[in-house]
Amino acid sequence: MKKNMLTVVILALCLINLILTGTMVFVVVPTSQRTDKLITQVASVIELELKGNSEVFDMTAAEPYKIEEKKQMNLAPGEDDKKHYATTEYVTVYINPKSEKYKEYKEGLEGGTYNSMILDKVETVISSYSYEKAVAGREQIKEDILSELKKVFGSSDFIVDVSIGNLVVS
Protein backbone atom coordinates (compact mmCIF):
# COMPACT_ATOMS: atom_id res chain seq x y z
CA MET A 1 0.00 0.00 0.00
CA LYS A 2 2.82 2.41 0.88
CA LYS A 3 4.62 1.61 -2.37
CA ASN A 4 1.53 2.40 -4.41
CA MET A 5 0.97 5.66 -2.52
CA LEU A 6 4.60 6.69 -3.08
CA THR A 7 4.27 5.87 -6.77
CA VAL A 8 1.13 8.01 -7.03
CA VAL A 9 2.87 10.96 -5.30
CA ILE A 10 5.92 10.66 -7.59
CA LEU A 11 3.65 10.43 -10.64
CA ALA A 12 1.71 13.52 -9.50
CA LEU A 13 4.94 15.48 -8.94
CA CYS A 14 6.25 14.48 -12.38
CA LEU A 15 2.96 15.57 -13.94
CA ILE A 16 3.10 18.94 -12.13
CA ASN A 17 6.73 19.36 -13.22
CA LEU A 18 5.77 18.60 -16.83
CA ILE A 19 2.92 21.13 -16.73
CA LEU A 20 5.13 23.88 -15.24
CA THR A 21 7.91 23.18 -17.76
CA GLY A 22 5.43 23.38 -20.62
CA THR A 23 4.05 26.64 -19.25
CA MET A 24 7.53 28.08 -19.02
CA VAL A 25 8.45 27.01 -22.55
CA PHE A 26 5.28 28.36 -24.15
CA VAL A 27 4.78 31.52 -22.03
CA VAL A 28 8.03 32.76 -20.52
CA VAL A 29 10.51 31.99 -23.31
CA PRO A 30 8.63 33.81 -26.13
CA THR A 31 8.13 36.81 -23.88
CA SER A 32 11.82 36.97 -23.06
CA GLN A 33 12.69 36.60 -26.75
CA ARG A 34 10.42 39.53 -27.63
CA THR A 35 11.99 41.59 -24.84
CA ASP A 36 15.47 40.74 -26.11
CA LYS A 37 14.47 41.73 -29.65
CA LEU A 38 13.06 45.05 -28.41
CA ILE A 39 16.23 45.83 -26.43
CA THR A 40 18.37 45.00 -29.48
CA GLN A 41 16.31 47.34 -31.66
CA VAL A 42 16.48 50.18 -29.13
CA ALA A 43 20.24 49.71 -28.74
CA SER A 44 20.76 49.81 -32.50
CA VAL A 45 18.69 52.97 -32.78
CA ILE A 46 20.81 54.82 -30.23
CA GLU A 47 23.98 53.21 -31.58
CA LEU A 48 25.02 51.33 -28.48
CA GLU A 49 27.35 48.43 -28.87
CA LEU A 50 26.03 45.42 -26.99
CA LYS A 51 29.42 43.74 -26.81
CA GLY A 52 31.28 46.82 -25.56
CA ASN A 53 33.75 49.01 -27.37
CA SER A 54 35.60 46.43 -29.46
CA GLU A 55 37.25 49.04 -31.66
CA VAL A 56 39.71 51.09 -29.64
CA PHE A 57 41.47 53.88 -31.51
CA ASP A 58 45.24 54.06 -31.21
CA MET A 59 45.91 57.68 -30.20
CA THR A 60 49.48 57.49 -31.50
CA ALA A 61 48.02 57.37 -35.03
CA ALA A 62 45.92 60.52 -34.48
CA GLU A 63 46.96 63.74 -36.17
CA PRO A 64 46.78 66.82 -33.93
CA TYR A 65 45.62 70.20 -35.25
CA LYS A 66 46.34 72.98 -32.83
CA ILE A 67 44.46 76.26 -32.94
CA GLU A 68 46.48 78.79 -30.99
CA GLU A 69 44.06 81.52 -30.13
CA LYS A 70 43.49 82.83 -26.65
CA LYS A 71 39.79 82.90 -25.93
CA GLN A 72 37.90 84.38 -22.97
CA MET A 73 34.28 83.33 -22.43
CA ASN A 74 31.53 84.27 -20.02
CA LEU A 75 30.25 81.39 -17.96
CA ALA A 76 26.58 80.76 -17.25
CA PRO A 77 25.24 82.34 -14.05
CA GLY A 78 26.00 80.20 -11.04
CA GLU A 79 24.79 79.88 -7.49
CA ASP A 80 26.61 83.02 -6.29
CA ASP A 81 25.15 85.29 -9.05
CA LYS A 82 28.61 86.70 -9.82
CA LYS A 83 30.11 86.95 -13.29
CA HIS A 84 32.66 84.26 -13.97
CA TYR A 85 34.93 83.71 -16.94
CA ALA A 86 36.82 80.88 -18.57
CA THR A 87 40.02 81.39 -20.56
CA THR A 88 41.76 79.01 -22.94
CA GLU A 89 45.15 79.40 -24.59
CA TYR A 90 44.62 76.92 -27.41
CA VAL A 91 42.47 74.05 -28.63
CA THR A 92 43.89 70.89 -30.16
CA VAL A 93 41.71 68.59 -32.24
CA TYR A 94 42.95 65.05 -32.85
CA ILE A 95 41.73 63.49 -36.09
CA ASN A 96 41.74 59.96 -37.39
CA PRO A 97 43.64 59.71 -40.70
CA LYS A 98 41.83 56.44 -41.49
CA SER A 99 38.39 58.07 -41.36
CA GLU A 100 36.25 58.38 -44.50
CA LYS A 101 35.97 62.14 -43.88
CA TYR A 102 39.75 62.63 -43.62
CA LYS A 103 40.35 63.62 -47.26
CA GLU A 104 37.30 65.87 -47.25
CA TYR A 105 38.28 67.93 -44.21
CA LYS A 106 42.09 67.67 -44.00
CA GLU A 107 42.85 70.58 -46.30
CA GLY A 108 40.36 72.85 -44.55
CA LEU A 109 41.81 72.02 -41.14
CA GLU A 110 45.37 72.66 -42.26
CA GLY A 111 44.35 75.90 -43.94
CA GLY A 112 42.44 77.12 -40.89
CA THR A 113 39.06 77.14 -42.62
CA TYR A 114 37.36 75.38 -39.72
CA ASN A 115 39.15 77.22 -36.90
CA SER A 116 36.32 79.65 -36.24
CA MET A 117 33.73 76.89 -36.32
CA ILE A 118 35.72 74.76 -33.85
CA LEU A 119 36.38 77.71 -31.54
CA ASP A 120 32.69 78.65 -31.69
CA LYS A 121 31.66 75.15 -30.54
CA VAL A 122 34.27 75.28 -27.77
CA GLU A 123 32.93 78.65 -26.63
CA THR A 124 29.30 77.52 -26.84
CA VAL A 125 29.93 74.43 -24.72
CA ILE A 126 32.13 76.11 -22.11
CA SER A 127 29.86 79.13 -21.74
CA SER A 128 26.91 76.83 -21.04
CA TYR A 129 28.60 75.72 -17.81
CA SER A 130 28.34 77.62 -14.55
CA TYR A 131 31.46 78.31 -12.48
CA GLU A 132 30.73 75.45 -10.09
CA LYS A 133 30.11 72.92 -12.88
CA ALA A 134 33.11 74.08 -14.91
CA VAL A 135 35.46 73.65 -11.96
CA ALA A 136 34.10 70.21 -11.11
CA GLY A 137 33.59 68.85 -14.62
CA ARG A 138 36.58 69.55 -16.85
CA GLU A 139 36.43 66.06 -18.37
CA GLN A 140 32.72 66.47 -19.02
CA ILE A 141 33.46 69.74 -20.84
CA LYS A 142 35.91 67.92 -23.12
CA GLU A 143 33.37 65.15 -23.79
CA ASP A 144 30.66 67.69 -24.62
CA ILE A 145 32.99 69.59 -26.98
CA LEU A 146 33.99 66.33 -28.67
CA SER A 147 30.34 65.38 -29.07
CA GLU A 148 29.48 68.76 -30.61
CA LEU A 149 32.42 68.60 -33.02
CA LYS A 150 31.42 65.10 -34.12
CA LYS A 151 27.98 66.49 -34.95
CA VAL A 152 29.50 69.38 -36.91
CA PHE A 153 31.78 67.19 -39.00
CA GLY A 154 29.11 64.50 -39.40
CA SER A 155 31.30 61.60 -38.42
CA SER A 156 31.78 59.64 -35.24
CA ASP A 157 35.31 58.52 -36.13
CA PHE A 158 36.85 61.64 -37.74
CA ILE A 159 37.59 63.58 -34.56
CA VAL A 160 38.77 61.22 -31.82
CA ASP A 161 39.77 63.63 -29.05
CA VAL A 162 39.94 67.27 -28.05
CA SER A 163 42.42 69.01 -25.80
CA ILE A 164 41.83 72.42 -24.25
CA GLY A 165 45.05 74.16 -23.31
CA ASN A 166 45.29 76.05 -20.03
CA LEU A 167 41.58 76.17 -19.25
CA VAL A 168 41.36 78.69 -16.43
CA VAL A 169 38.04 79.31 -14.71
CA SER A 170 37.72 82.42 -12.58
C-alpha atoms as a PDB file:
ATOM      1  CA  MET A   1       0.000   0.000   0.000  1.00  0.00           C
ATOM      2  CA  LYS A   2       2.823   2.405   0.877  1.00  0.00           C
ATOM      3  CA  LYS A   3       4.620   1.613  -2.372  1.00  0.00           C
ATOM      4  CA  ASN A   4       1.527   2.400  -4.408  1.00  0.00           C
ATOM      5  CA  MET A   5       0.974   5.663  -2.519  1.00  0.00           C
ATOM      6  CA  LEU A   6       4.596   6.688  -3.083  1.00  0.00           C
ATOM      7  CA  THR A   7       4.271   5.866  -6.772  1.00  0.00           C
ATOM      8  CA  VAL A   8       1.133   8.011  -7.031  1.00  0.00           C
ATOM      9  CA  VAL A   9       2.871  10.962  -5.298  1.00  0.00           C
ATOM     10  CA  ILE A  10       5.919  10.663  -7.589  1.00  0.00           C
ATOM     11  CA  LEU A  11       3.655  10.427 -10.644  1.00  0.00           C
ATOM     12  CA  ALA A  12       1.711  13.524  -9.495  1.00  0.00           C
ATOM     13  CA  LEU A  13       4.939  15.482  -8.943  1.00  0.00           C
ATOM     14  CA  CYS A  14       6.249  14.476 -12.376  1.00  0.00           C
ATOM     15  CA  LEU A  15       2.962  15.566 -13.939  1.00  0.00           C
ATOM     16  CA  ILE A  16       3.103  18.944 -12.130  1.00  0.00           C
ATOM     17  CA  ASN A  17       6.734  19.362 -13.224  1.00  0.00           C
ATOM     18  CA  LEU A  18       5.769  18.596 -16.830  1.00  0.00           C
ATOM     19  CA  ILE A  19       2.915  21.132 -16.732  1.00  0.00           C
ATOM     20  CA  LEU A  20       5.130  23.885 -15.237  1.00  0.00           C
ATOM     21  CA  THR A  21       7.906  23.179 -17.756  1.00  0.00           C
ATOM     22  CA  GLY A  22       5.427  23.376 -20.617  1.00  0.00           C
ATOM     23  CA  THR A  23       4.047  26.641 -19.254  1.00  0.00           C
ATOM     24  CA  MET A  24       7.529  28.075 -19.022  1.00  0.00           C
ATOM     25  CA  VAL A  25       8.451  27.009 -22.551  1.00  0.00           C
ATOM     26  CA  PHE A  26       5.278  28.361 -24.153  1.00  0.00           C
ATOM     27  CA  VAL A  27       4.777  31.518 -22.035  1.00  0.00           C
ATOM     28  CA  VAL A  28       8.032  32.765 -20.518  1.00  0.00           C
ATOM     29  CA  VAL A  29      10.513  31.986 -23.313  1.00  0.00           C
ATOM     30  CA  PRO A  30       8.630  33.806 -26.135  1.00  0.00           C
ATOM     31  CA  THR A  31       8.126  36.812 -23.880  1.00  0.00           C
ATOM     32  CA  SER A  32      11.823  36.970 -23.055  1.00  0.00           C
ATOM     33  CA  GLN A  33      12.686  36.597 -26.746  1.00  0.00           C
ATOM     34  CA  ARG A  34      10.421  39.533 -27.635  1.00  0.00           C
ATOM     35  CA  THR A  35      11.994  41.586 -24.835  1.00  0.00           C
ATOM     36  CA  ASP A  36      15.474  40.740 -26.114  1.00  0.00           C
ATOM     37  CA  LYS A  37      14.468  41.731 -29.653  1.00  0.00           C
ATOM     38  CA  LEU A  38      13.060  45.050 -28.407  1.00  0.00           C
ATOM     39  CA  ILE A  39      16.234  45.827 -26.431  1.00  0.00           C
ATOM     40  CA  THR A  40      18.369  45.004 -29.475  1.00  0.00           C
ATOM     41  CA  GLN A  41      16.307  47.343 -31.665  1.00  0.00           C
ATOM     42  CA  VAL A  42      16.484  50.181 -29.133  1.00  0.00           C
ATOM     43  CA  ALA A  43      20.235  49.707 -28.739  1.00  0.00           C
ATOM     44  CA  SER A  44      20.759  49.807 -32.499  1.00  0.00           C
ATOM     45  CA  VAL A  45      18.695  52.969 -32.783  1.00  0.00           C
ATOM     46  CA  ILE A  46      20.808  54.822 -30.235  1.00  0.00           C
ATOM     47  CA  GLU A  47      23.981  53.207 -31.578  1.00  0.00           C
ATOM     48  CA  LEU A  48      25.019  51.328 -28.476  1.00  0.00           C
ATOM     49  CA  GLU A  49      27.346  48.427 -28.867  1.00  0.00           C
ATOM     50  CA  LEU A  50      26.025  45.421 -26.988  1.00  0.00           C
ATOM     51  CA  LYS A  51      29.421  43.741 -26.809  1.00  0.00           C
ATOM     52  CA  GLY A  52      31.280  46.817 -25.559  1.00  0.00           C
ATOM     53  CA  ASN A  53      33.746  49.007 -27.371  1.00  0.00           C
ATOM     54  CA  SER A  54      35.596  46.431 -29.458  1.00  0.00           C
ATOM     55  CA  GLU A  55      37.246  49.038 -31.662  1.00  0.00           C
ATOM     56  CA  VAL A  56      39.706  51.093 -29.639  1.00  0.00           C
ATOM     57  CA  PHE A  57      41.471  53.883 -31.506  1.00  0.00           C
ATOM     58  CA  ASP A  58      45.239  54.062 -31.208  1.00  0.00           C
ATOM     59  CA  MET A  59      45.912  57.679 -30.199  1.00  0.00           C
ATOM     60  CA  THR A  60      49.483  57.490 -31.503  1.00  0.00           C
ATOM     61  CA  ALA A  61      48.019  57.371 -35.027  1.00  0.00           C
ATOM     62  CA  ALA A  62      45.915  60.519 -34.482  1.00  0.00           C
ATOM     63  CA  GLU A  63      46.965  63.736 -36.165  1.00  0.00           C
ATOM     64  CA  PRO A  64      46.781  66.821 -33.928  1.00  0.00           C
ATOM     65  CA  TYR A  65      45.622  70.196 -35.252  1.00  0.00           C
ATOM     66  CA  LYS A  66      46.341  72.977 -32.829  1.00  0.00           C
ATOM     67  CA  ILE A  67      44.456  76.259 -32.941  1.00  0.00           C
ATOM     68  CA  GLU A  68      46.484  78.789 -30.990  1.00  0.00           C
ATOM     69  CA  GLU A  69      44.063  81.519 -30.133  1.00  0.00           C
ATOM     70  CA  LYS A  70      43.495  82.825 -26.646  1.00  0.00           C
ATOM     71  CA  LYS A  71      39.788  82.900 -25.930  1.00  0.00           C
ATOM     72  CA  GLN A  72      37.898  84.378 -22.971  1.00  0.00           C
ATOM     73  CA  MET A  73      34.282  83.333 -22.432  1.00  0.00           C
ATOM     74  CA  ASN A  74      31.529  84.271 -20.017  1.00  0.00           C
ATOM     75  CA  LEU A  75      30.248  81.385 -17.963  1.00  0.00           C
ATOM     76  CA  ALA A  76      26.580  80.756 -17.252  1.00  0.00           C
ATOM     77  CA  PRO A  77      25.241  82.343 -14.046  1.00  0.00           C
ATOM     78  CA  GLY A  78      25.998  80.200 -11.038  1.00  0.00           C
ATOM     79  CA  GLU A  79      24.787  79.884  -7.487  1.00  0.00           C
ATOM     80  CA  ASP A  80      26.609  83.020  -6.294  1.00  0.00           C
ATOM     81  CA  ASP A  81      25.150  85.292  -9.050  1.00  0.00           C
ATOM     82  CA  LYS A  82      28.614  86.704  -9.816  1.00  0.00           C
ATOM     83  CA  LYS A  83      30.108  86.953 -13.285  1.00  0.00           C
ATOM     84  CA  HIS A  84      32.659  84.261 -13.973  1.00  0.00           C
ATOM     85  CA  TYR A  85      34.932  83.711 -16.944  1.00  0.00           C
ATOM     86  CA  ALA A  86      36.824  80.883 -18.573  1.00  0.00           C
ATOM     87  CA  THR A  87      40.017  81.391 -20.563  1.00  0.00           C
ATOM     88  CA  THR A  88      41.756  79.007 -22.938  1.00  0.00           C
ATOM     89  CA  GLU A  89      45.153  79.398 -24.587  1.00  0.00           C
ATOM     90  CA  TYR A  90      44.622  76.921 -27.412  1.00  0.00           C
ATOM     91  CA  VAL A  91      42.472  74.046 -28.633  1.00  0.00           C
ATOM     92  CA  THR A  92      43.886  70.887 -30.160  1.00  0.00           C
ATOM     93  CA  VAL A  93      41.705  68.590 -32.243  1.00  0.00           C
ATOM     94  CA  TYR A  94      42.950  65.048 -32.846  1.00  0.00           C
ATOM     95  CA  ILE A  95      41.732  63.491 -36.087  1.00  0.00           C
ATOM     96  CA  ASN A  96      41.743  59.957 -37.395  1.00  0.00           C
ATOM     97  CA  PRO A  97      43.644  59.711 -40.702  1.00  0.00           C
ATOM     98  CA  LYS A  98      41.828  56.438 -41.491  1.00  0.00           C
ATOM     99  CA  SER A  99      38.390  58.067 -41.364  1.00  0.00           C
ATOM    100  CA  GLU A 100      36.254  58.376 -44.495  1.00  0.00           C
ATOM    101  CA  LYS A 101      35.968  62.141 -43.879  1.00  0.00           C
ATOM    102  CA  TYR A 102      39.749  62.633 -43.616  1.00  0.00           C
ATOM    103  CA  LYS A 103      40.347  63.620 -47.263  1.00  0.00           C
ATOM    104  CA  GLU A 104      37.302  65.871 -47.252  1.00  0.00           C
ATOM    105  CA  TYR A 105      38.281  67.934 -44.206  1.00  0.00           C
ATOM    106  CA  LYS A 106      42.093  67.668 -44.003  1.00  0.00           C
ATOM    107  CA  GLU A 107      42.855  70.582 -46.302  1.00  0.00           C
ATOM    108  CA  GLY A 108      40.362  72.851 -44.546  1.00  0.00           C
ATOM    109  CA  LEU A 109      41.812  72.016 -41.138  1.00  0.00           C
ATOM    110  CA  GLU A 110      45.371  72.660 -42.258  1.00  0.00           C
ATOM    111  CA  GLY A 111      44.346  75.903 -43.940  1.00  0.00           C
ATOM    112  CA  GLY A 112      42.443  77.121 -40.888  1.00  0.00           C
ATOM    113  CA  THR A 113      39.063  77.136 -42.623  1.00  0.00           C
ATOM    114  CA  TYR A 114      37.361  75.376 -39.724  1.00  0.00           C
ATOM    115  CA  ASN A 115      39.154  77.218 -36.904  1.00  0.00           C
ATOM    116  CA  SER A 116      36.325  79.651 -36.240  1.00  0.00           C
ATOM    117  CA  MET A 117      33.727  76.885 -36.317  1.00  0.00           C
ATOM    118  CA  ILE A 118      35.722  74.756 -33.852  1.00  0.00           C
ATOM    119  CA  LEU A 119      36.377  77.710 -31.543  1.00  0.00           C
ATOM    120  CA  ASP A 120      32.689  78.652 -31.695  1.00  0.00           C
ATOM    121  CA  LYS A 121      31.656  75.153 -30.543  1.00  0.00           C
ATOM    122  CA  VAL A 122      34.269  75.284 -27.769  1.00  0.00           C
ATOM    123  CA  GLU A 123      32.927  78.651 -26.630  1.00  0.00           C
ATOM    124  CA  THR A 124      29.305  77.518 -26.837  1.00  0.00           C
ATOM    125  CA  VAL A 125      29.928  74.432 -24.721  1.00  0.00           C
ATOM    126  CA  ILE A 126      32.129  76.109 -22.110  1.00  0.00           C
ATOM    127  CA  SER A 127      29.857  79.130 -21.737  1.00  0.00           C
ATOM    128  CA  SER A 128      26.909  76.826 -21.039  1.00  0.00           C
ATOM    129  CA  TYR A 129      28.600  75.725 -17.807  1.00  0.00           C
ATOM    130  CA  SER A 130      28.342  77.622 -14.548  1.00  0.00           C
ATOM    131  CA  TYR A 131      31.459  78.310 -12.484  1.00  0.00           C
ATOM    132  CA  GLU A 132      30.728  75.449 -10.094  1.00  0.00           C
ATOM    133  CA  LYS A 133      30.108  72.918 -12.877  1.00  0.00           C
ATOM    134  CA  ALA A 134      33.111  74.079 -14.909  1.00  0.00           C
ATOM    135  CA  VAL A 135      35.463  73.650 -11.963  1.00  0.00           C
ATOM    136  CA  ALA A 136      34.096  70.209 -11.109  1.00  0.00           C
ATOM    137  CA  GLY A 137      33.592  68.850 -14.619  1.00  0.00           C
ATOM    138  CA  ARG A 138      36.580  69.545 -16.848  1.00  0.00           C
ATOM    139  CA  GLU A 139      36.433  66.056 -18.370  1.00  0.00           C
ATOM    140  CA  GLN A 140      32.716  66.473 -19.024  1.00  0.00           C
ATOM    141  CA  ILE A 141      33.458  69.741 -20.836  1.00  0.00           C
ATOM    142  CA  LYS A 142      35.907  67.917 -23.116  1.00  0.00           C
ATOM    143  CA  GLU A 143      33.370  65.149 -23.786  1.00  0.00           C
ATOM    144  CA  ASP A 144      30.664  67.692 -24.625  1.00  0.00           C
ATOM    145  CA  ILE A 145      32.985  69.587 -26.985  1.00  0.00           C
ATOM    146  CA  LEU A 146      33.991  66.326 -28.672  1.00  0.00           C
ATOM    147  CA  SER A 147      30.336  65.380 -29.074  1.00  0.00           C
ATOM    148  CA  GLU A 148      29.475  68.756 -30.611  1.00  0.00           C
ATOM    149  CA  LEU A 149      32.418  68.603 -33.025  1.00  0.00           C
ATOM    150  CA  LYS A 150      31.423  65.103 -34.115  1.00  0.00           C
ATOM    151  CA  LYS A 151      27.984  66.490 -34.952  1.00  0.00           C
ATOM    152  CA  VAL A 152      29.498  69.380 -36.909  1.00  0.00           C
ATOM    153  CA  PHE A 153      31.779  67.186 -38.997  1.00  0.00           C
ATOM    154  CA  GLY A 154      29.113  64.499 -39.399  1.00  0.00           C
ATOM    155  CA  SER A 155      31.304  61.595 -38.415  1.00  0.00           C
ATOM    156  CA  SER A 156      31.783  59.640 -35.238  1.00  0.00           C
ATOM    157  CA  ASP A 157      35.309  58.523 -36.131  1.00  0.00           C
ATOM    158  CA  PHE A 158      36.847  61.637 -37.745  1.00  0.00           C
ATOM    159  CA  ILE A 159      37.590  63.585 -34.562  1.00  0.00           C
ATOM    160  CA  VAL A 160      38.767  61.225 -31.824  1.00  0.00           C
ATOM    161  CA  ASP A 161      39.775  63.629 -29.048  1.00  0.00           C
ATOM    162  CA  VAL A 162      39.943  67.272 -28.047  1.00  0.00           C
ATOM    163  CA  SER A 163      42.422  69.008 -25.795  1.00  0.00           C
ATOM    164  CA  ILE A 164      41.830  72.425 -24.245  1.00  0.00           C
ATOM    165  CA  GLY A 165      45.048  74.156 -23.308  1.00  0.00           C
ATOM    166  CA  ASN A 166      45.288  76.047 -20.034  1.00  0.00           C
ATOM    167  CA  LEU A 167      41.585  76.174 -19.255  1.00  0.00           C
ATOM    168  CA  VAL A 168      41.359  78.687 -16.428  1.00  0.00           C
ATOM    169  CA  VAL A 169      38.037  79.312 -14.713  1.00  0.00           C
ATOM    170  CA  SER A 170      37.716  82.425 -12.584  1.00  0.00           C
END
